N, C-alpha and C. Protein backbone atom coordinates (compact mmCIF):
# COMPACT_ATOMS: atom_id res chain seq x y z
N UNK A 1 119.95 87.36 114.59
CA UNK A 1 118.56 87.76 114.65
C UNK A 1 117.71 86.54 114.99
N UNK A 2 116.75 86.70 115.86
CA UNK A 2 115.92 85.60 116.32
C UNK A 2 115.05 85.00 115.21
N UNK A 3 114.65 85.78 114.26
CA UNK A 3 113.76 85.28 113.21
C UNK A 3 114.48 84.65 112.03
N UNK A 4 115.80 84.69 112.01
CA UNK A 4 116.52 84.13 110.86
C UNK A 4 116.30 82.62 110.74
N UNK A 5 116.03 81.94 111.83
CA UNK A 5 115.77 80.50 111.79
C UNK A 5 114.50 80.14 111.05
N UNK A 6 113.57 81.08 110.95
CA UNK A 6 112.33 80.83 110.22
C UNK A 6 112.26 81.65 108.94
N UNK A 7 113.43 82.09 108.48
CA UNK A 7 113.49 82.78 107.19
C UNK A 7 113.54 84.28 107.27
N UNK A 8 113.65 84.84 108.47
CA UNK A 8 113.75 86.29 108.61
C UNK A 8 115.00 86.84 107.96
N UNK A 9 114.92 88.04 107.45
CA UNK A 9 116.04 88.69 106.79
C UNK A 9 116.46 89.89 107.63
N UNK A 10 117.70 89.92 108.12
CA UNK A 10 118.12 91.07 108.91
C UNK A 10 118.21 92.33 108.05
N UNK A 11 117.72 93.41 108.58
CA UNK A 11 117.70 94.68 107.87
C UNK A 11 118.43 95.73 108.71
N UNK A 12 119.30 96.49 108.07
CA UNK A 12 119.97 97.60 108.73
C UNK A 12 119.09 98.83 108.57
N UNK A 13 118.28 99.13 109.58
CA UNK A 13 117.35 100.25 109.49
C UNK A 13 118.03 101.60 109.57
N UNK A 14 119.31 101.63 109.97
CA UNK A 14 120.02 102.91 110.05
C UNK A 14 120.66 103.29 108.73
N UNK A 15 120.71 102.36 107.78
CA UNK A 15 121.30 102.66 106.47
C UNK A 15 120.40 103.63 105.71
N UNK A 16 120.99 104.60 105.05
CA UNK A 16 120.22 105.61 104.34
C UNK A 16 119.62 105.09 103.04
N UNK A 17 120.18 104.03 102.50
CA UNK A 17 119.68 103.52 101.22
C UNK A 17 120.03 102.04 101.08
N UNK A 18 119.59 101.46 100.00
CA UNK A 18 119.95 100.07 99.72
C UNK A 18 118.87 99.05 100.03
N UNK A 19 117.83 99.44 100.75
CA UNK A 19 116.78 98.50 101.14
C UNK A 19 116.05 97.94 99.91
N UNK A 20 115.69 98.80 98.99
CA UNK A 20 114.96 98.35 97.80
C UNK A 20 115.81 97.36 97.02
N UNK A 21 117.07 97.68 96.82
CA UNK A 21 117.96 96.79 96.08
C UNK A 21 118.16 95.47 96.82
N UNK A 22 118.32 95.54 98.15
CA UNK A 22 118.50 94.32 98.94
C UNK A 22 117.27 93.42 98.83
N UNK A 23 116.09 93.99 98.95
CA UNK A 23 114.88 93.17 98.90
C UNK A 23 114.62 92.65 97.49
N UNK A 24 114.91 93.44 96.46
CA UNK A 24 114.74 92.99 95.09
C UNK A 24 115.64 91.78 94.83
N UNK A 25 116.87 91.83 95.32
CA UNK A 25 117.80 90.70 95.18
C UNK A 25 117.29 89.48 95.94
N UNK A 26 116.74 89.68 97.13
CA UNK A 26 116.19 88.55 97.90
C UNK A 26 115.04 87.88 97.14
N UNK A 27 114.15 88.67 96.55
CA UNK A 27 113.04 88.10 95.78
C UNK A 27 113.55 87.35 94.56
N UNK A 28 114.60 87.83 93.92
CA UNK A 28 115.17 87.15 92.76
C UNK A 28 115.75 85.79 93.16
N UNK A 29 116.35 85.71 94.35
CA UNK A 29 116.97 84.47 94.82
C UNK A 29 115.96 83.51 95.44
N UNK A 30 114.88 84.06 95.99
CA UNK A 30 113.91 83.25 96.73
C UNK A 30 112.50 83.55 96.23
N UNK A 31 112.07 82.93 95.14
CA UNK A 31 110.78 83.26 94.54
C UNK A 31 109.58 83.05 95.46
N UNK A 32 109.70 82.21 96.47
CA UNK A 32 108.59 81.95 97.38
C UNK A 32 108.55 82.93 98.56
N UNK A 33 109.45 83.88 98.57
CA UNK A 33 109.56 84.84 99.67
C UNK A 33 108.29 85.66 99.82
N UNK A 34 107.84 85.82 101.04
CA UNK A 34 106.74 86.71 101.37
C UNK A 34 107.30 87.80 102.28
N UNK A 35 106.84 89.01 102.10
CA UNK A 35 107.35 90.13 102.88
C UNK A 35 106.17 90.91 103.44
N UNK A 36 106.18 91.13 104.74
CA UNK A 36 105.15 91.94 105.38
C UNK A 36 105.76 93.23 105.90
N UNK A 37 105.19 94.35 105.50
CA UNK A 37 105.68 95.66 105.93
C UNK A 37 104.52 96.54 106.33
N UNK A 38 104.75 97.38 107.32
CA UNK A 38 103.79 98.44 107.65
C UNK A 38 104.21 99.69 106.87
N UNK A 39 103.33 100.23 106.03
CA UNK A 39 103.74 101.36 105.20
C UNK A 39 104.08 102.62 106.00
N UNK A 40 103.66 102.68 107.27
CA UNK A 40 104.05 103.83 108.08
C UNK A 40 105.54 103.80 108.37
N UNK A 41 106.10 102.60 108.44
CA UNK A 41 107.53 102.44 108.69
C UNK A 41 107.93 102.65 110.14
N UNK A 42 106.96 102.82 111.04
CA UNK A 42 107.26 103.11 112.44
C UNK A 42 106.03 102.83 113.29
N UNK A 43 106.21 102.84 114.59
CA UNK A 43 105.07 102.71 115.49
C UNK A 43 104.62 104.08 116.00
N UNK A 44 105.24 105.14 115.52
CA UNK A 44 104.91 106.51 115.93
C UNK A 44 103.93 107.12 114.95
N UNK A 45 103.29 108.22 115.36
CA UNK A 45 102.38 108.94 114.47
C UNK A 45 103.18 109.53 113.31
N UNK A 46 102.63 109.43 112.12
CA UNK A 46 103.30 109.95 110.93
C UNK A 46 102.33 110.81 110.14
N UNK A 47 102.88 111.69 109.29
CA UNK A 47 102.03 112.54 108.47
C UNK A 47 101.72 111.91 107.12
N UNK A 48 102.52 110.92 106.73
CA UNK A 48 102.27 110.23 105.46
C UNK A 48 102.97 108.88 105.49
N UNK A 49 102.54 108.00 104.60
CA UNK A 49 103.18 106.69 104.50
C UNK A 49 104.57 106.85 103.92
N UNK A 50 105.44 105.96 104.31
CA UNK A 50 106.74 105.83 103.64
C UNK A 50 106.49 105.00 102.38
N UNK A 51 107.37 105.10 101.40
CA UNK A 51 107.09 104.47 100.11
C UNK A 51 107.99 103.27 99.79
N UNK A 52 108.77 102.82 100.75
CA UNK A 52 109.66 101.69 100.50
C UNK A 52 108.92 100.44 100.05
N UNK A 53 107.76 100.16 100.66
CA UNK A 53 106.97 98.98 100.27
C UNK A 53 106.60 99.05 98.80
N UNK A 54 106.25 100.24 98.33
CA UNK A 54 105.84 100.43 96.94
C UNK A 54 107.04 100.29 96.01
N UNK A 55 108.15 100.89 96.40
CA UNK A 55 109.35 100.82 95.56
C UNK A 55 109.88 99.40 95.46
N UNK A 56 109.79 98.63 96.55
CA UNK A 56 110.20 97.22 96.50
C UNK A 56 109.30 96.45 95.55
N UNK A 57 107.98 96.62 95.68
CA UNK A 57 107.04 95.90 94.81
C UNK A 57 107.26 96.26 93.35
N UNK A 58 107.48 97.53 93.07
CA UNK A 58 107.69 97.97 91.69
C UNK A 58 109.00 97.42 91.13
N UNK A 59 110.08 97.52 91.91
CA UNK A 59 111.39 97.05 91.43
C UNK A 59 111.42 95.55 91.22
N UNK A 60 110.72 94.80 92.08
CA UNK A 60 110.71 93.34 91.97
C UNK A 60 109.56 92.84 91.11
N UNK A 61 108.76 93.75 90.56
CA UNK A 61 107.59 93.41 89.73
C UNK A 61 106.66 92.45 90.47
N UNK A 62 106.27 92.86 91.67
CA UNK A 62 105.42 92.03 92.53
C UNK A 62 104.14 92.76 92.88
N UNK A 63 103.05 92.01 93.08
CA UNK A 63 101.82 92.65 93.55
C UNK A 63 101.91 92.96 95.04
N UNK A 64 101.05 93.83 95.48
CA UNK A 64 100.91 94.17 96.90
C UNK A 64 99.60 93.55 97.37
N UNK A 65 99.64 92.90 98.52
CA UNK A 65 98.42 92.36 99.13
C UNK A 65 98.14 93.21 100.38
N UNK A 66 97.14 94.09 100.32
CA UNK A 66 96.86 94.90 101.50
C UNK A 66 96.20 94.05 102.60
N UNK A 67 96.70 94.20 103.82
CA UNK A 67 96.16 93.47 104.96
C UNK A 67 95.94 94.49 106.08
N UNK A 68 94.69 94.63 106.51
CA UNK A 68 94.35 95.58 107.57
C UNK A 68 94.07 94.82 108.86
N UNK A 69 94.69 95.26 109.93
CA UNK A 69 94.40 94.74 111.26
C UNK A 69 93.48 95.74 111.93
N UNK A 70 92.20 95.38 112.07
CA UNK A 70 91.21 96.28 112.66
C UNK A 70 90.92 95.81 114.08
N UNK A 71 91.58 96.44 115.04
CA UNK A 71 91.44 96.02 116.44
C UNK A 71 90.06 96.36 116.99
N UNK A 72 89.38 97.39 116.47
CA UNK A 72 88.07 97.75 116.99
C UNK A 72 87.02 96.70 116.67
N UNK A 73 87.21 95.99 115.57
CA UNK A 73 86.26 94.94 115.16
C UNK A 73 86.83 93.54 115.35
N UNK A 74 88.07 93.46 115.83
CA UNK A 74 88.75 92.17 115.99
C UNK A 74 88.77 91.41 114.66
N UNK A 75 89.19 92.12 113.61
CA UNK A 75 89.22 91.56 112.27
C UNK A 75 90.60 91.71 111.63
N UNK A 76 90.89 90.76 110.76
CA UNK A 76 92.01 90.89 109.84
C UNK A 76 91.37 90.87 108.46
N UNK A 77 91.55 91.95 107.70
CA UNK A 77 90.97 92.03 106.36
C UNK A 77 92.09 91.91 105.33
N UNK A 78 91.89 91.02 104.37
CA UNK A 78 92.87 90.81 103.31
C UNK A 78 92.25 91.29 102.01
N UNK A 79 92.91 92.23 101.37
CA UNK A 79 92.40 92.78 100.12
C UNK A 79 92.87 92.00 98.91
N UNK A 80 92.38 92.42 97.77
CA UNK A 80 92.75 91.80 96.50
C UNK A 80 94.19 92.17 96.14
N UNK A 81 94.82 91.32 95.34
CA UNK A 81 96.16 91.65 94.83
C UNK A 81 96.11 93.00 94.13
N UNK A 82 97.08 93.83 94.42
CA UNK A 82 97.16 95.15 93.80
C UNK A 82 98.49 95.23 93.06
N UNK A 83 98.42 95.40 91.75
CA UNK A 83 99.64 95.52 90.95
C UNK A 83 99.96 97.00 90.78
N UNK A 84 101.09 97.47 91.29
CA UNK A 84 101.44 98.88 91.13
C UNK A 84 101.49 99.28 89.65
N UNK A 85 100.98 100.48 89.37
CA UNK A 85 100.95 100.96 87.98
C UNK A 85 102.16 101.82 87.64
N UNK A 86 102.90 102.24 88.67
CA UNK A 86 104.00 103.16 88.45
C UNK A 86 103.61 104.59 88.82
N UNK A 87 102.32 104.83 89.03
CA UNK A 87 101.84 106.15 89.46
C UNK A 87 101.75 106.12 90.98
N UNK A 88 102.85 106.46 91.63
CA UNK A 88 102.97 106.35 93.08
C UNK A 88 101.82 107.05 93.80
N UNK A 89 101.56 108.28 93.45
CA UNK A 89 100.54 109.06 94.16
C UNK A 89 99.16 108.42 94.05
N UNK A 90 98.76 108.04 92.84
CA UNK A 90 97.44 107.43 92.65
C UNK A 90 97.36 106.06 93.31
N UNK A 91 98.41 105.28 93.18
CA UNK A 91 98.41 103.94 93.77
C UNK A 91 98.35 103.99 95.29
N UNK A 92 99.13 104.87 95.90
CA UNK A 92 99.11 104.98 97.37
C UNK A 92 97.74 105.46 97.83
N UNK A 93 97.13 106.40 97.12
CA UNK A 93 95.79 106.87 97.48
C UNK A 93 94.79 105.71 97.43
N UNK A 94 94.89 104.87 96.40
CA UNK A 94 93.98 103.73 96.30
C UNK A 94 94.22 102.73 97.43
N UNK A 95 95.47 102.45 97.74
CA UNK A 95 95.78 101.54 98.84
C UNK A 95 95.32 102.11 100.17
N UNK A 96 95.50 103.40 100.39
CA UNK A 96 95.06 104.02 101.64
C UNK A 96 93.56 103.89 101.84
N UNK A 97 92.80 103.92 100.75
CA UNK A 97 91.34 103.81 100.87
C UNK A 97 90.94 102.46 101.46
N UNK A 98 91.74 101.42 101.23
CA UNK A 98 91.46 100.10 101.80
C UNK A 98 91.54 100.14 103.33
N UNK A 99 92.44 100.94 103.86
CA UNK A 99 92.69 101.00 105.30
C UNK A 99 91.89 102.08 106.02
N UNK A 100 91.15 102.88 105.29
CA UNK A 100 90.54 104.08 105.83
C UNK A 100 89.74 103.86 107.12
N UNK A 101 88.93 102.82 107.19
CA UNK A 101 88.09 102.63 108.38
C UNK A 101 88.65 101.64 109.39
N UNK A 102 89.82 101.10 109.16
CA UNK A 102 90.44 100.16 110.11
C UNK A 102 91.07 100.95 111.27
N UNK A 103 90.87 100.47 112.47
CA UNK A 103 91.44 101.11 113.66
C UNK A 103 92.52 100.21 114.23
N UNK A 104 93.70 100.76 114.40
CA UNK A 104 94.83 100.00 114.93
C UNK A 104 94.76 99.83 116.43
N UNK A 105 95.75 99.18 116.97
CA UNK A 105 95.83 98.93 118.41
C UNK A 105 95.88 100.25 119.18
N UNK A 106 96.60 101.22 118.65
CA UNK A 106 96.64 102.58 119.19
C UNK A 106 96.02 103.50 118.13
N UNK A 107 94.69 103.60 118.07
CA UNK A 107 94.05 104.32 116.97
C UNK A 107 94.48 105.77 116.83
N UNK A 108 94.89 106.40 117.93
CA UNK A 108 95.33 107.79 117.84
C UNK A 108 96.61 107.94 117.02
N UNK A 109 97.33 106.86 116.82
CA UNK A 109 98.55 106.90 116.01
C UNK A 109 98.27 106.59 114.54
N UNK A 110 97.09 106.07 114.24
CA UNK A 110 96.79 105.61 112.89
C UNK A 110 96.27 106.66 111.95
N UNK A 111 95.80 107.78 112.47
CA UNK A 111 95.29 108.84 111.61
C UNK A 111 96.47 109.60 111.02
N UNK A 112 96.47 109.75 109.71
CA UNK A 112 97.53 110.54 109.09
C UNK A 112 97.33 112.00 109.46
N UNK A 113 98.39 112.65 109.86
CA UNK A 113 98.30 114.05 110.30
C UNK A 113 98.07 114.98 109.13
């Protein structure tokens, strides 16, 4: 993998499971590790966020730092640390509110169906 030289971690995206456990183990071994994920999990239009980012943060007892890329305003917005409470539905709703007015590079793909 091209990014392994700068600390990238290869991920098998075709595997049905194991990502949360793999990332939790990586955080245990590398306390300075930073992980950036798009909660949509894809570049295609989706009807809801995937929850792997939340499950990783919960399993590794880590905060989430929401970062919105707003192409319409040419801004990068960094939110406050968010510590998951364990209430997936409420926490995801709160995190989604941070991104509500941000427009992505392809804004037609950013609206949840």
